[in-house]
Protein backbone atom coordinates (compact mmCIF):
# COMPACT_ATOMS: atom_id res chain seq x y z
CA MET A 1 148.20 268.43 195.29
CA LYS A 2 150.42 266.23 197.39
CA LYS A 3 148.02 264.61 198.30
CA THR A 4 146.38 264.17 194.86
CA LEU A 5 149.64 262.70 193.46
CA LEU A 6 150.16 260.33 196.88
CA LEU A 7 146.19 258.94 195.41
CA LEU A 8 147.54 258.53 191.81
CA ALA A 9 150.63 256.37 193.28
CA LEU A 10 148.30 254.36 195.18
CA ALA A 11 145.74 254.15 192.52
CA LEU A 12 148.54 252.94 190.30
CA SER A 13 150.27 250.35 192.24
CA LEU A 14 147.79 248.81 194.59
CA SER A 15 146.89 245.21 194.14
CA ALA A 16 143.13 244.15 193.28
CA ASN A 17 142.97 242.81 197.25
CA ALA A 18 144.31 245.85 198.31
CA GLN A 19 142.19 248.23 196.31
CA GLN A 20 139.22 246.18 197.78
CA ALA A 21 140.18 246.11 201.53
CA VAL A 22 140.92 250.39 200.53
CA LYS A 23 137.48 250.49 199.33
CA ALA A 24 136.00 248.72 202.49
CA LYS A 25 137.31 251.43 205.06
CA LYS A 26 134.16 253.16 204.66
CA ILE A 27 134.30 256.93 206.17
CA ILE A 28 131.22 256.84 207.62
CA SER A 29 129.17 253.34 207.40
CA HIS A 30 130.70 249.88 207.25
CA THR A 31 127.31 248.58 206.09
CA PRO A 32 124.52 249.76 204.61
CA THR A 33 122.82 250.08 207.87
CA THR A 34 124.95 252.04 209.27
CA VAL A 35 123.33 255.53 209.30
CA GLN A 36 119.79 254.55 209.82
CA ARG A 37 120.97 252.66 212.99
CA LEU A 38 122.99 255.67 213.87
CA SER A 39 119.87 257.95 213.05
CA GLU A 40 117.39 255.33 215.09
CA ALA A 41 119.79 255.53 218.06
CA ALA A 42 119.76 259.20 218.07
CA GLN A 43 116.27 259.18 217.70
CA ALA A 44 115.86 257.22 220.90
CA ASP A 45 118.19 258.84 222.65
CA ASN A 46 116.47 260.82 225.83
CA THR A 47 119.17 263.14 226.27
CA LEU A 48 118.63 264.79 223.01
CA SER A 49 116.38 267.82 222.42
CA GLU A 50 114.20 267.32 219.25
CA ALA A 51 116.32 269.57 217.93
CA ASP A 52 119.50 267.92 218.81
CA LYS A 53 117.66 265.00 217.08
CA ASP A 54 116.79 266.69 213.78
CA PHE A 55 120.31 267.67 213.68
CA VAL A 56 122.38 264.66 213.93
CA ILE A 57 119.58 262.86 211.97
CA ALA A 58 120.16 265.59 209.17
CA VAL A 59 124.19 265.82 208.96
CA LEU A 60 124.17 262.06 208.70
CA ASP A 61 122.04 261.79 205.73
CA SER A 62 124.07 264.81 204.06
CA ALA A 63 127.43 263.53 205.36
CA GLU A 64 126.40 259.57 203.91
CA ARG A 65 125.19 261.27 200.39
CA LEU A 66 128.97 263.09 200.11
CA GLU A 67 130.84 259.87 201.06
CA ASN A 68 129.13 257.86 198.57
CA LYS A 69 130.27 260.23 195.81
CA ALA A 70 133.39 260.26 197.20
CA HIS A 71 133.70 256.62 196.77
CA GLY A 72 132.17 256.60 193.71
CA ALA A 73 134.60 258.73 192.25
CA TYR A 74 137.41 256.49 193.73
CA ASP A 75 136.11 253.61 192.11
CA ALA A 76 135.57 255.16 189.01
CA LEU A 77 139.56 256.21 189.32
CA MET A 78 140.51 252.45 189.92
CA ALA A 79 138.63 250.93 187.16
CA TYR A 80 140.30 253.62 184.62
CA VAL A 81 144.08 252.74 185.60
CA GLN A 82 143.13 249.21 185.59
CA ALA A 83 141.66 248.93 182.26
CA LYS A 84 144.41 249.76 180.32
CA GLN A 85 148.09 250.60 180.33
CA LEU A 86 148.19 254.23 181.07
CA THR A 87 149.48 256.26 178.07
CA PRO A 88 150.58 260.06 178.98
CA LYS A 89 147.05 261.58 177.71
CA ARG A 90 145.43 258.39 179.95
CA ARG A 91 147.65 259.07 182.86
CA GLU A 92 146.95 263.14 182.72
CA GLU A 93 143.11 262.10 182.88
CA ALA A 94 143.71 260.12 185.71
CA GLN A 95 145.36 262.73 187.71
CA LYS A 96 142.12 264.62 187.10
CA MET A 97 139.99 262.12 188.53
CA ALA A 98 142.11 261.98 191.44
CA GLU A 99 142.15 265.77 191.80
CA GLY A 100 138.19 265.12 191.51
CA TYR A 101 138.20 262.38 194.18
CA MET A 102 140.09 264.72 196.96
CA GLN A 103 137.81 267.53 196.37
CA LEU A 104 134.54 265.69 197.17
CA ARG A 105 136.77 264.57 200.14
CA THR A 106 137.72 267.99 201.37
CA ASN A 107 134.12 268.68 200.62
CA LEU A 108 132.91 266.29 203.34
CA ALA A 109 135.32 266.91 205.92
CA ASN A 110 134.45 270.84 205.45
CA TYR A 111 130.23 270.04 205.61
CA LEU A 112 131.32 268.48 208.69
CA HIS A 113 133.17 271.23 210.24
CA SER A 114 130.71 273.71 209.28
CA GLU A 115 127.62 271.72 211.41
CA LEU A 116 130.16 270.99 214.20
CA GLU A 117 130.96 274.66 214.50
CA SER A 118 127.57 275.64 214.05
CA HIS A 119 126.13 273.55 216.70
CA ARG A 120 129.21 273.74 219.28
CA GLU A 121 126.90 273.81 222.09
CA SER A 122 124.39 271.10 221.11
CA PRO A 123 125.11 267.27 222.95
CA GLY A 124 123.85 265.84 219.46
CA SER A 125 127.60 266.92 218.17
CA ALA A 126 129.40 264.24 219.84
CA LYS A 127 127.51 261.50 218.21
CA ILE A 128 128.53 263.65 214.75
CA LEU A 129 132.23 263.29 216.30
CA VAL A 130 132.01 259.39 216.81
CA ALA A 131 130.04 258.49 213.58
CA CYS A 132 132.38 260.64 211.08
CA SER A 133 135.57 260.41 213.00
CA SER A 134 137.63 258.93 210.39
CA PHE A 135 137.39 261.49 208.16
CA LEU A 136 138.07 264.52 210.48
CA GLU A 137 141.75 265.16 211.55
CA PRO A 138 142.76 264.01 215.06
CA GLU A 139 144.13 267.54 214.92
CA TYR A 140 140.37 269.27 214.86
CA ILE A 141 138.94 266.81 217.11
CA TYR A 142 141.65 267.87 219.36
CA GLN A 143 141.20 271.48 218.61
CA TYR A 144 137.41 270.75 218.69
CA LEU A 145 137.33 268.66 222.05
CA SER A 146 139.39 271.09 224.03
CA THR A 147 136.55 274.00 223.73
CA TYR A 148 133.74 271.21 223.45
CA PRO A 149 131.34 271.67 226.37
CA HIS A 150 129.98 267.60 226.54
CA ALA A 151 133.73 266.65 225.86
CA ASP A 152 133.04 264.72 228.87
CA LEU A 153 129.73 262.33 227.53
CA PRO A 154 130.62 258.75 228.00
CA GLU A 155 130.62 258.31 224.41
CA LEU A 156 133.49 260.40 223.69
CA ALA A 157 135.94 259.14 226.36
CA GLU A 158 137.84 256.60 223.79
CA MET A 159 138.44 259.82 221.33
CA ARG A 160 139.44 261.55 223.96
CA GLN A 161 142.15 259.19 224.50
CA GLN A 162 142.86 258.64 221.00
CA VAL A 163 143.44 262.14 220.39
CA ALA A 164 145.40 263.02 223.78
CA SER A 165 148.41 261.87 221.51
CA VAL A 166 147.72 264.89 219.70
CA ALA A 167 148.46 267.24 222.53
CA ALA A 168 152.35 265.68 222.51
CA LYS A 169 152.69 266.79 218.90
CA VAL A 170 151.58 270.21 219.57
CA PRO A 171 154.40 273.06 219.82
CA GLY A 172 155.65 273.13 222.85
CA ALA A 173 154.52 269.81 224.33
CA GLU A 174 156.84 268.40 226.55
CA LEU A 175 158.74 264.78 225.46
CA ILE A 176 156.72 261.18 226.04
CA ASP A 177 159.85 259.51 227.51
CA PHE A 178 159.64 255.74 227.22
CA GLU A 179 162.12 252.71 226.15
CA LEU A 180 163.31 250.90 223.42
CA PRO A 181 165.93 248.74 222.28
CA ASP A 182 168.98 249.93 219.94
CA GLU A 183 170.97 247.82 217.14
CA VAL A 184 172.35 245.34 219.78
CA GLY A 185 169.55 244.87 221.98
CA ALA A 186 170.77 247.82 224.83
CA LYS A 187 167.34 249.81 226.04
CA HIS A 188 167.35 253.23 226.31
CA ARG A 189 165.52 256.06 226.96
CA LEU A 190 164.38 258.55 224.39
CA SER A 191 165.59 261.50 227.02
CA GLU A 192 168.69 260.35 226.27
CA TYR A 193 169.09 261.86 223.46
CA ILE A 194 166.54 264.92 223.57
CA GLY A 195 166.64 267.70 225.87
CA HIS A 196 170.18 268.18 226.08
CA GLY A 197 170.89 271.47 224.36
CA HIS A 198 170.52 270.47 220.73
CA TYR A 199 168.03 270.38 218.27
CA VAL A 200 167.07 266.76 217.92
CA LEU A 201 164.85 265.35 214.80
CA VAL A 202 162.91 262.03 215.75
CA ASP A 203 162.36 260.16 212.39
CA PHE A 204 159.96 257.33 212.31
CA TRP A 205 160.54 254.95 209.66
CA ALA A 206 161.17 251.55 208.36
CA SER A 207 163.15 250.12 206.02
CA TRP A 208 160.26 248.79 203.83
CA CYS A 209 158.63 252.10 203.44
CA GLY A 210 159.41 253.58 199.84
CA PRO A 211 158.64 257.01 200.84
CA CYS A 212 161.25 257.03 203.75
CA ARG A 213 163.72 255.89 201.74
CA GLN A 214 162.81 258.70 198.99
CA GLU A 215 163.18 261.16 202.09
CA MET A 216 166.12 260.27 203.41
CA PRO A 217 168.45 262.21 201.46
CA ASN A 218 166.95 264.80 202.71
CA VAL A 219 167.52 264.12 206.10
CA LEU A 220 171.13 263.13 205.83
CA ALA A 221 171.85 266.59 203.44
CA ALA A 222 170.47 268.76 206.91
CA TYR A 223 172.40 266.44 208.87
CA GLU A 224 175.56 267.10 207.31
CA ARG A 225 174.39 270.60 207.25
CA PHE A 226 173.72 271.45 210.79
CA HIS A 227 174.86 268.58 212.92
CA GLU A 228 177.97 270.57 213.95
CA ARG A 229 176.10 273.32 214.66
CA GLY A 230 173.71 271.94 217.87
CA PHE A 231 171.58 269.26 215.71
CA ASP A 232 170.68 265.70 216.09
CA ILE A 233 168.77 263.08 214.86
CA LEU A 234 166.96 259.71 216.46
CA GLY A 235 165.71 257.34 214.11
CA LEU A 236 162.80 255.54 215.98
CA SER A 237 162.23 252.33 213.35
CA LEU A 238 158.69 250.28 212.64
CA ASP A 239 160.12 247.45 211.19
CA ASN A 240 159.74 243.90 212.27
CA ASN A 241 162.73 242.18 210.88
CA ARG A 242 166.12 243.15 212.57
CA GLU A 243 168.40 242.15 209.65
CA ALA A 244 166.30 244.32 207.09
CA TRP A 245 166.13 247.09 209.64
CA LEU A 246 170.24 246.92 210.07
CA LYS A 247 170.97 246.24 206.30
CA ALA A 248 169.16 249.75 205.66
CA VAL A 249 170.69 251.61 208.20
CA ALA A 250 173.69 250.93 206.50
CA ASP A 251 172.63 251.21 203.04
CA LEU A 252 171.07 254.37 203.59
CA GLY A 253 174.19 255.71 205.77
CA MET A 254 172.23 256.61 208.60
CA THR A 255 174.75 257.03 211.13
CA TRP A 256 172.69 258.78 213.88
CA PRO A 257 171.06 256.58 216.88
CA GLN A 258 168.44 254.28 215.82
CA LEU A 259 166.18 252.60 217.96
CA SER A 260 163.55 249.40 217.44
CA ASP A 261 161.47 247.07 219.81
CA LEU A 262 161.00 245.45 216.26
CA LYS A 263 157.04 245.10 216.57
CA GLY A 264 156.33 247.07 213.31
CA TRP A 265 152.92 249.29 213.80
CA LYS A 266 152.45 247.75 217.16
CA SER A 267 155.98 249.38 218.33
CA LEU A 268 155.64 250.89 221.50
CA ALA A 269 157.37 254.13 219.42
CA ALA A 270 154.18 254.11 217.34
CA GLN A 271 150.96 253.83 220.18
CA MET A 272 153.07 256.55 222.16
CA TYR A 273 152.83 258.91 219.20
CA ASP A 274 149.51 257.73 217.37
CA VAL A 275 151.82 257.38 214.19
CA ARG A 276 149.93 256.35 211.40
CA ALA A 277 151.83 257.12 208.66
CA ILE A 278 155.51 257.11 207.32
CA PRO A 279 157.93 258.86 207.37
CA PHE A 280 157.04 260.81 210.34
CA THR A 281 159.01 263.13 212.25
CA LEU A 282 159.28 265.48 215.37
CA LEU A 283 161.66 268.05 215.69
CA PHE A 284 162.60 268.56 219.12
CA ASP A 285 164.26 272.19 221.10
CA PRO A 286 167.27 272.18 222.75
CA GLU A 287 164.98 271.91 226.26
CA GLY A 288 162.92 269.09 225.14
CA LYS A 289 159.89 270.46 223.41
CA VAL A 290 158.04 269.64 220.42
CA VAL A 291 159.23 273.02 218.03
CA ASP A 292 157.46 271.13 214.54
CA THR A 293 155.96 267.99 212.67
CA ASN A 294 156.67 266.18 209.77
CA LEU A 295 159.43 268.24 208.28
CA ARG A 296 160.11 267.01 204.58
CA GLY A 297 161.95 267.72 202.05
CA GLU A 298 162.96 271.20 201.89
CA ALA A 299 160.94 272.23 204.92
CA LEU A 300 163.06 270.71 207.18
CA SER A 301 166.40 272.79 206.01
CA LYS A 302 164.20 276.20 206.27
CA LYS A 303 162.86 275.48 209.96
CA LEU A 304 166.66 274.70 211.07
CA GLU A 305 167.83 278.06 209.16
CA GLU A 306 165.25 279.97 211.31
CA LEU A 307 166.52 278.26 214.45
CA ILE A 308 170.24 277.65 213.79
CA GLY A 309 171.06 279.74 211.20
CA LYS A 310 172.08 279.64 207.77
């Protein structure tokens, strides 16, 4: 439901140009001939058996049809919310359309999961992973590759590198240590703040991020409630404007340490932890190991209650 509401909010807020950009980000194919090209490449691959070739071609064809249904539903949703002002009744209908779109995306993901799991021994699954990677969750790809017998195939090299950051976010993972400037330009390593006997929430955010600002009261409440009992926060901003960053820190009442290299999405912090959406959080234990990720709202306080006590 949360993803559906976010989609509806997106549909209501995107400009025409932004909508076109979103529509252009096809899950599998970026041109009408991509699936055909991938199928032809599979057919010509002498390392695949005939059965593997048939598997790859069939999955790509079915996945493309499911994807086209999802994009058709997305286009219909965008057209609907732009046609007229949304009355409560039209907003309710748009909500149903958004739910339908999300279900179609889920259907595609479930189909891919099923085919990949039932063909785990096939080298053809590598081609499905590469072709459909933008629809599969990074966590799923990481788990799949960890037991996939053909994970060392050259065509999966880039994917292995991309999902390596997932391993850094699973419970029990050690801190990835790196250096960033603070508000006055002095550089600090994350290890200065993490692994010293306290629970530490690393909060990836930015001044321009509306959801980050909306979430901040929950973060502040958790800090005020648990700080004296061993809970700290480290803010890692994906801002690229120093003045906006510092103003947001003051306006939102964030009294904990803040670091940023002011490179936006190209920030070292985002690169090291493969952060693609914010707000995003990592909760570390007193020894500096990951406890949980992306805790928001009441979930953060409930987790801290489990760890520290009410």
